[in-house]
Protein backbone atom coordinates (compact mmCIF):
# COMPACT_ATOMS: atom_id res chain seq x y z
CA MET A 1 55.16 21.84 18.07
CA PRO A 2 58.59 20.67 16.82
CA GLY A 3 60.33 18.24 19.12
CA ARG A 4 57.23 17.39 21.13
CA PRO A 5 55.61 13.95 21.14
CA ALA A 6 52.48 13.49 19.08
CA THR A 7 50.42 13.13 22.24
CA HIS A 8 51.47 16.49 23.70
CA TYR A 9 48.76 19.04 24.27
CA ASP A 10 49.16 22.53 25.65
CA VAL A 11 45.79 22.22 27.40
CA LEU A 12 43.59 19.27 28.30
CA VAL A 13 40.07 19.93 29.56
CA LEU A 14 38.42 17.26 31.69
CA GLY A 15 34.69 17.44 32.18
CA GLU A 16 31.20 17.42 30.83
CA VAL A 17 29.74 18.50 27.52
CA LEU A 18 26.04 19.28 27.31
CA VAL A 19 23.31 19.76 24.78
CA GLU A 20 22.13 23.35 25.23
CA ILE A 21 18.52 24.28 24.51
CA HIS A 22 18.07 28.04 24.48
CA ALA A 23 14.50 29.16 25.10
CA GLY A 24 13.18 32.27 23.46
CA THR A 25 11.54 33.54 26.64
CA ALA A 26 11.84 33.40 30.42
CA LEU A 27 11.29 29.81 31.52
CA ARG A 28 8.34 30.63 33.78
CA GLU A 29 6.69 32.29 30.79
CA ALA A 30 7.30 29.40 28.37
CA THR A 31 4.12 28.18 26.70
CA ASP A 32 3.19 25.50 24.21
CA GLY A 33 5.01 26.49 21.03
CA THR A 34 7.73 28.65 22.64
CA PRO A 35 10.65 28.63 20.17
CA ALA A 36 14.02 27.23 21.22
CA ARG A 37 17.48 26.82 19.67
CA ILE A 38 19.84 23.84 20.10
CA SER A 39 23.55 24.38 20.59
CA TYR A 40 26.33 22.73 22.60
CA SER A 41 28.00 23.83 25.79
CA GLY A 42 29.00 22.65 29.27
CA ASP A 43 31.84 24.22 31.22
CA ALA A 44 34.42 21.82 29.76
CA LEU A 45 33.49 22.55 26.15
CA ASN A 46 33.30 26.28 26.82
CA ALA A 47 36.77 26.32 28.37
CA ALA A 48 38.25 24.04 25.70
CA ALA A 49 36.89 26.23 22.89
CA ALA A 50 38.39 29.31 24.52
CA ALA A 51 41.76 27.63 25.03
CA ALA A 52 41.89 26.54 21.39
CA ALA A 53 40.93 30.03 20.22
CA ALA A 54 43.72 31.45 22.40
CA GLY A 55 46.27 29.47 20.43
CA ALA A 56 46.72 26.33 22.53
CA ARG A 57 46.69 22.81 21.17
CA THR A 58 43.67 21.61 23.11
CA ALA A 59 41.94 18.28 23.62
CA LEU A 60 38.73 17.38 25.38
CA LEU A 61 38.69 14.47 27.83
CA ALA A 62 35.06 13.55 28.30
CA VAL A 63 32.46 10.82 27.98
CA VAL A 64 29.58 11.40 25.57
CA GLY A 65 26.49 9.38 24.91
CA ASP A 66 25.38 7.11 22.12
CA ASP A 67 22.33 9.11 21.12
CA GLU A 68 21.91 10.95 17.84
CA LEU A 69 23.03 14.28 19.26
CA SER A 70 26.56 12.98 19.91
CA VAL A 71 27.43 13.43 16.25
CA PRO A 72 26.64 17.16 15.98
CA LEU A 73 27.98 17.71 19.51
CA LEU A 74 31.42 16.37 18.63
CA ARG A 75 31.32 18.03 15.23
CA ARG A 76 30.71 21.38 16.91
CA ALA A 77 33.62 20.83 19.29
CA ALA A 78 35.91 20.02 16.36
CA GLU A 79 34.71 23.13 14.51
CA LEU A 80 35.81 25.13 17.56
CA GLY A 81 39.34 23.77 17.17
CA VAL A 82 39.16 21.18 19.96
CA ASP A 83 40.64 17.71 19.45
CA VAL A 84 37.89 15.20 20.26
CA SER A 85 39.80 12.06 19.28
CA HIS A 86 40.21 11.01 22.93
CA VAL A 87 36.54 11.40 23.88
CA ARG A 88 34.96 8.15 25.06
CA ARG A 89 31.47 6.87 24.24
CA ALA A 90 29.00 5.25 26.63
CA PRO A 91 25.51 3.74 26.24
CA HIS A 92 23.88 6.60 28.11
CA PRO A 93 22.11 9.78 27.01
CA ASN A 94 23.97 13.05 26.78
CA GLY A 95 23.27 15.56 29.51
CA ALA A 96 21.22 18.58 28.52
CA TYR A 97 20.01 21.86 29.90
CA LEU A 98 17.36 24.41 29.09
CA LEU A 99 18.51 28.01 29.33
CA SER A 100 16.89 31.40 29.27
CA ALA A 101 18.92 34.61 29.43
CA ASP A 102 18.39 38.30 28.89
CA THR A 103 20.66 41.19 27.94
CA ASP A 104 21.14 42.15 31.59
CA GLY A 105 22.80 38.81 32.24
CA ASP A 106 19.96 37.25 34.25
CA ARG A 107 19.85 33.52 33.54
CA GLU A 108 17.61 30.57 34.34
CA PHE A 109 18.63 26.92 33.95
CA VAL A 110 16.91 23.54 34.05
CA TYR A 111 19.25 20.53 33.80
CA TRP A 112 18.80 16.86 32.83
CA ARG A 113 21.80 14.87 34.03
CA THR A 114 20.54 11.71 35.76
CA ARG A 115 22.61 8.75 34.50
CA SER A 116 24.07 10.92 31.75
CA ALA A 117 27.13 9.80 29.83
CA GLY A 118 29.19 12.54 31.46
CA SER A 119 28.39 11.28 34.93
CA ILE A 120 30.04 7.89 34.36
CA LEU A 121 33.49 9.49 33.99
CA GLY A 122 35.76 7.60 36.38
CA PRO A 123 39.30 6.63 37.36
CA GLY A 124 39.38 3.99 34.61
CA HIS A 125 39.07 6.73 32.01
CA ILE A 126 41.86 8.68 33.68
CA ALA A 127 44.10 5.61 33.56
CA SER A 128 43.46 5.33 29.82
CA TRP A 129 44.48 8.98 29.38
CA ARG A 130 47.56 8.72 31.61
CA LYS A 131 50.12 9.45 28.87
CA LEU A 132 48.16 12.47 27.72
CA LEU A 133 47.87 13.86 31.24
CA THR A 134 51.51 13.35 32.21
CA GLY A 135 52.64 14.95 28.96
CA CYS A 136 50.37 18.00 28.82
CA GLY A 137 51.17 21.58 29.67
CA ALA A 138 48.01 22.26 31.62
CA LEU A 139 44.77 20.69 32.81
CA ILE A 140 41.46 22.49 33.32
CA THR A 141 38.73 20.88 35.39
CA SER A 142 35.94 21.95 37.72
CA GLY A 143 33.73 21.32 40.69
CA ILE A 144 30.84 20.65 38.32
CA THR A 145 32.72 17.68 36.90
CA GLY A 146 33.57 16.48 40.40
CA ALA A 147 29.93 16.74 41.48
CA LEU A 148 28.44 14.61 38.71
CA SER A 149 29.01 11.32 40.54
CA PRO A 150 31.38 9.68 43.05
CA SER A 151 33.39 8.23 40.16
CA SER A 152 33.73 11.59 38.41
CA ARG A 153 34.91 13.13 41.67
CA GLU A 154 37.70 10.56 41.90
CA ALA A 155 38.48 11.12 38.23
CA VAL A 156 39.00 14.85 38.81
CA LEU A 157 41.38 14.19 41.68
CA ALA A 158 43.27 11.45 39.84
CA ALA A 159 43.78 13.65 36.79
CA ALA A 160 44.93 16.61 38.86
CA HIS A 161 47.43 14.43 40.74
CA LEU A 162 48.86 13.07 37.48
CA VAL A 163 49.32 16.49 35.90
CA HIS A 164 50.68 18.09 39.07
CA GLY A 165 53.03 15.17 39.68
CA ALA A 166 54.42 15.47 36.16
CA GLY A 167 55.14 19.17 36.61
CA GLY A 168 52.14 20.45 34.66
CA HIS A 169 49.78 23.28 35.54
CA VAL A 170 46.31 22.64 36.99
CA THR A 171 43.46 25.15 36.77
CA TYR A 172 40.38 24.50 38.89
CA ASP A 173 37.05 26.31 39.06
CA PRO A 174 34.82 25.21 41.98
CA ASN A 175 31.71 26.35 40.07
CA PHE A 176 29.48 25.48 43.01
CA ARG A 177 25.96 24.43 42.04
CA ALA A 178 23.62 23.80 44.99
CA ARG A 179 21.28 21.71 42.84
CA LEU A 180 24.15 19.40 41.92
CA THR A 181 26.11 18.94 45.14
CA GLY A 182 26.12 19.78 48.83
CA ARG A 183 28.39 22.33 50.46
CA ALA A 184 30.26 19.72 52.51
CA GLU A 185 31.14 17.65 49.45
CA ALA A 186 32.19 20.71 47.44
CA ARG A 187 34.34 21.99 50.29
CA GLU A 188 36.07 18.64 50.67
CA LEU A 189 36.87 18.47 46.96
CA LEU A 190 38.17 22.05 47.01
CA ALA A 191 40.42 21.28 49.99
CA ARG A 192 41.85 18.20 48.28
CA ILE A 193 42.50 19.77 44.91
CA ALA A 194 43.60 23.30 45.90
CA PRO A 195 47.19 22.24 46.79
CA LEU A 196 47.57 20.85 43.26
CA THR A 197 46.48 24.02 41.45
CA GLY A 198 48.52 26.70 39.79
CA LEU A 199 45.36 28.74 39.26
CA LEU A 200 42.12 28.54 41.21
CA LYS A 201 39.35 30.67 39.73
CA THR A 202 36.30 31.24 41.88
CA SER A 203 33.36 33.63 42.15
CA CYS A 204 32.22 35.90 44.92
CA PRO A 205 29.77 35.85 46.52
CA ALA A 206 28.34 32.67 44.95
CA ASP A 207 31.24 30.21 45.37
CA ALA A 208 32.95 32.06 48.19
CA ARG A 209 29.98 32.22 50.52
CA ALA A 210 29.22 28.50 50.09
CA LEU A 211 32.79 27.18 50.16
CA VAL A 212 34.92 29.53 52.28
CA ASP A 213 32.28 31.36 54.34
CA THR A 214 32.78 34.90 53.09
CA ALA A 215 31.23 37.40 50.71
CA ASP A 216 34.42 39.47 50.62
CA PRO A 217 36.64 38.82 47.56
CA ARG A 218 39.91 39.53 49.39
CA ALA A 219 39.03 37.20 52.21
CA ALA A 220 37.96 34.57 49.69
CA ALA A 221 41.32 34.77 47.94
CA VAL A 222 43.22 34.53 51.23
CA ARG A 223 41.22 31.48 52.31
CA CYS A 224 41.67 29.73 48.96
CA ARG A 225 45.39 30.36 49.05
CA ALA A 226 45.48 29.03 52.61
CA LEU A 227 44.09 25.78 51.21
CA GLY A 228 47.18 25.57 49.01
CA ALA A 229 46.27 27.27 45.73
CA ARG A 230 49.27 29.10 44.27
CA THR A 231 47.30 31.82 42.48
CA VAL A 232 43.66 32.75 42.99
CA VAL A 233 41.37 34.74 40.73
CA VAL A 234 38.05 35.89 42.20
CA THR A 235 35.40 37.22 39.87
CA ALA A 236 33.54 39.87 41.83
CA GLY A 237 30.69 41.08 39.67
CA ALA A 238 30.54 41.94 36.00
CA ASN A 239 33.19 44.65 35.97
CA ARG A 240 36.02 43.64 38.28
CA LEU A 241 38.27 40.76 39.17
CA LEU A 242 40.62 40.18 42.10
CA LEU A 243 44.01 38.61 41.42
CA ASP A 244 46.07 37.23 44.32
CA ASP A 245 49.36 35.53 43.43
CA GLY A 246 50.76 35.53 46.94
CA THR A 247 52.67 38.78 46.53
CA GLY A 248 49.54 40.87 47.04
CA ALA A 249 45.94 41.08 45.94
CA VAL A 250 44.86 43.62 43.34
CA TYR A 251 41.52 44.46 41.75
CA LEU A 252 41.57 44.59 37.96
CA PRO A 253 38.85 46.30 35.93
CA VAL A 254 37.30 44.05 33.27
CA PRO A 255 36.78 45.50 29.77
CA VAL A 256 33.13 46.49 29.43
CA ASN A 257 31.10 44.99 26.61
CA PRO A 258 28.70 47.72 25.45
CA GLU A 259 26.23 45.25 23.90
CA PRO A 260 25.92 42.20 26.19
CA VAL A 261 23.64 39.40 25.10
CA ASP A 262 24.29 36.45 27.40
CA ALA A 263 26.92 35.90 30.10
CA THR A 264 26.65 32.09 29.94
CA GLY A 265 30.15 30.62 29.77
CA ALA A 266 32.01 33.89 30.31
CA GLY A 267 33.82 32.50 33.35
CA ASP A 268 34.76 29.38 31.40
CA CYS A 269 36.03 31.57 28.57
CA PHE A 270 38.24 33.41 31.06
CA THR A 271 39.54 30.15 32.50
CA GLY A 272 40.26 28.58 29.12
CA THR A 273 41.94 31.65 27.69
CA THR A 274 44.06 32.40 30.74
CA THR A 275 45.21 28.81 31.12
CA ALA A 276 46.08 28.57 27.44
CA ARG A 277 48.21 31.69 27.54
CA LEU A 278 49.99 30.49 30.69
CA ALA A 279 50.69 27.14 29.00
CA LEU A 280 52.09 29.00 26.00
CA GLY A 281 54.51 30.95 28.19
CA ASP A 282 52.80 34.28 28.87
CA THR A 283 53.26 36.03 32.19
CA LEU A 284 50.43 35.77 34.68
CA ALA A 285 49.54 39.44 34.16
CA ASP A 286 49.32 39.08 30.39
CA ALA A 287 47.45 35.78 30.56
CA VAL A 288 44.85 37.28 32.90
CA ALA A 289 44.52 40.33 30.65
CA TYR A 290 43.80 38.07 27.69
CA GLY A 291 41.33 36.08 29.80
CA MET A 292 39.40 39.19 30.82
CA ALA A 293 39.28 40.46 27.25
CA ALA A 294 38.06 37.14 25.85
CA ALA A 295 35.41 36.81 28.55
CA SER A 296 34.13 40.30 27.82
CA LEU A 297 33.89 39.59 24.10
CA SER A 298 32.16 36.26 24.73
CA VAL A 299 29.04 37.83 26.24
CA SER A 300 28.10 39.17 22.79
CA GLY A 301 26.99 35.65 21.84
CA ARG A 302 24.07 33.52 22.96
CA GLY A 303 24.90 30.35 24.86
CA GLY A 304 28.14 28.92 26.19
CA THR A 305 29.92 28.74 22.83
CA GLY A 306 27.86 31.26 20.90
CA ARG A 307 30.74 33.74 20.75
CA VAL A 308 34.30 32.43 21.00
CA PRO A 309 36.58 35.35 20.14
CA ALA A 310 39.60 34.86 17.90
CA LEU A 311 43.02 35.47 19.42
CA SER A 312 43.49 38.59 17.31
CA GLU A 313 40.30 40.12 18.74
CA THR A 314 41.25 39.17 22.27
CA ALA A 315 44.76 40.58 21.94
CA ALA A 316 43.48 43.83 20.44
CA LEU A 317 40.96 44.40 23.23
CA ALA A 318 43.47 43.44 25.94
CA ALA A 319 46.01 45.93 24.58
CA ALA A 320 43.45 48.71 24.20
CA HIS A 321 42.10 48.11 27.69
CA ARG A 322 45.55 48.13 29.25
CA ALA A 323 46.37 51.35 27.41
CA ARG A 324 43.22 52.96 28.79
CA ILE A 325 43.87 52.02 32.40
CA GLN A 326 47.64 52.38 32.52
CA GLY A 327 48.51 54.70 29.66
CA ASP A 328 50.69 51.90 28.25
CA THR A 329 50.39 51.31 24.48
CA THR A 330 52.80 48.36 24.40
CA PRO A 331 51.00 45.31 22.96
CA LEU A 332 50.58 42.26 25.16
CA GLY A 333 52.47 39.12 24.27
């Protein structure tokens, strides 16, 4: 943008990118010769792709491996509009996961992350990205990133402190994974980062039950805000979302996708889109409307980045959805 330094980004996404192997059948039914498809995902890449598609100048801050898959992985990220020029390399394998999903949204995952390149993310990397972080509009990061290793946990906190201290926006998704971290560790990280966030996006009951001891979305929002989060979004099933900005909590209906394929990455798509629109100056209500629309469209694709909707598609669905529920035909934006 005119007048901004060359290192300015609307959105930076800190986290892990993964090789995604999509099985053609339920994992427990996989046999010798079961077909599979390789693609690229991870919550950071999913969110970054969505932010770029939503119109934000977006860069990925991550560590990738030195294996052969790093080349197509980074090429795919660049194809999605994400700047990968700041990504670091390490002599470790890339993390990977095997996924099976059906049209009802049921998913099964098997991960390979031990000593992955993503897990060596640490405070030293954050120091090398200091100018980027203090000059950006917004940062997106997650509990998955913080759970990869002790050093990645400190990296998440250091990055959030830098962005918050410079007056930028921080979006955090706890994304609790019991196979990756314990409840106590995830709760501690949430408590430390919540006061730095402009938007905390969580799920109920999955995250909420583990991290704030409730299966009620309203209670979850109240408890997250009590930790210091300015605005909380709670995804509460496939068709509704709770928004609590401190002036009151309201349930918002999510646009329904009539032909769902795979819900993998839908939450990341919401987070990336909403954060991008906030960084670009949209109101919270409009940014969330765009986020819901993009997330709904994203489930038509297979895998985390299988369907990244263009901004024109997202805006059209957001406007049509708002018109249906409010009788308001004024376009968003």
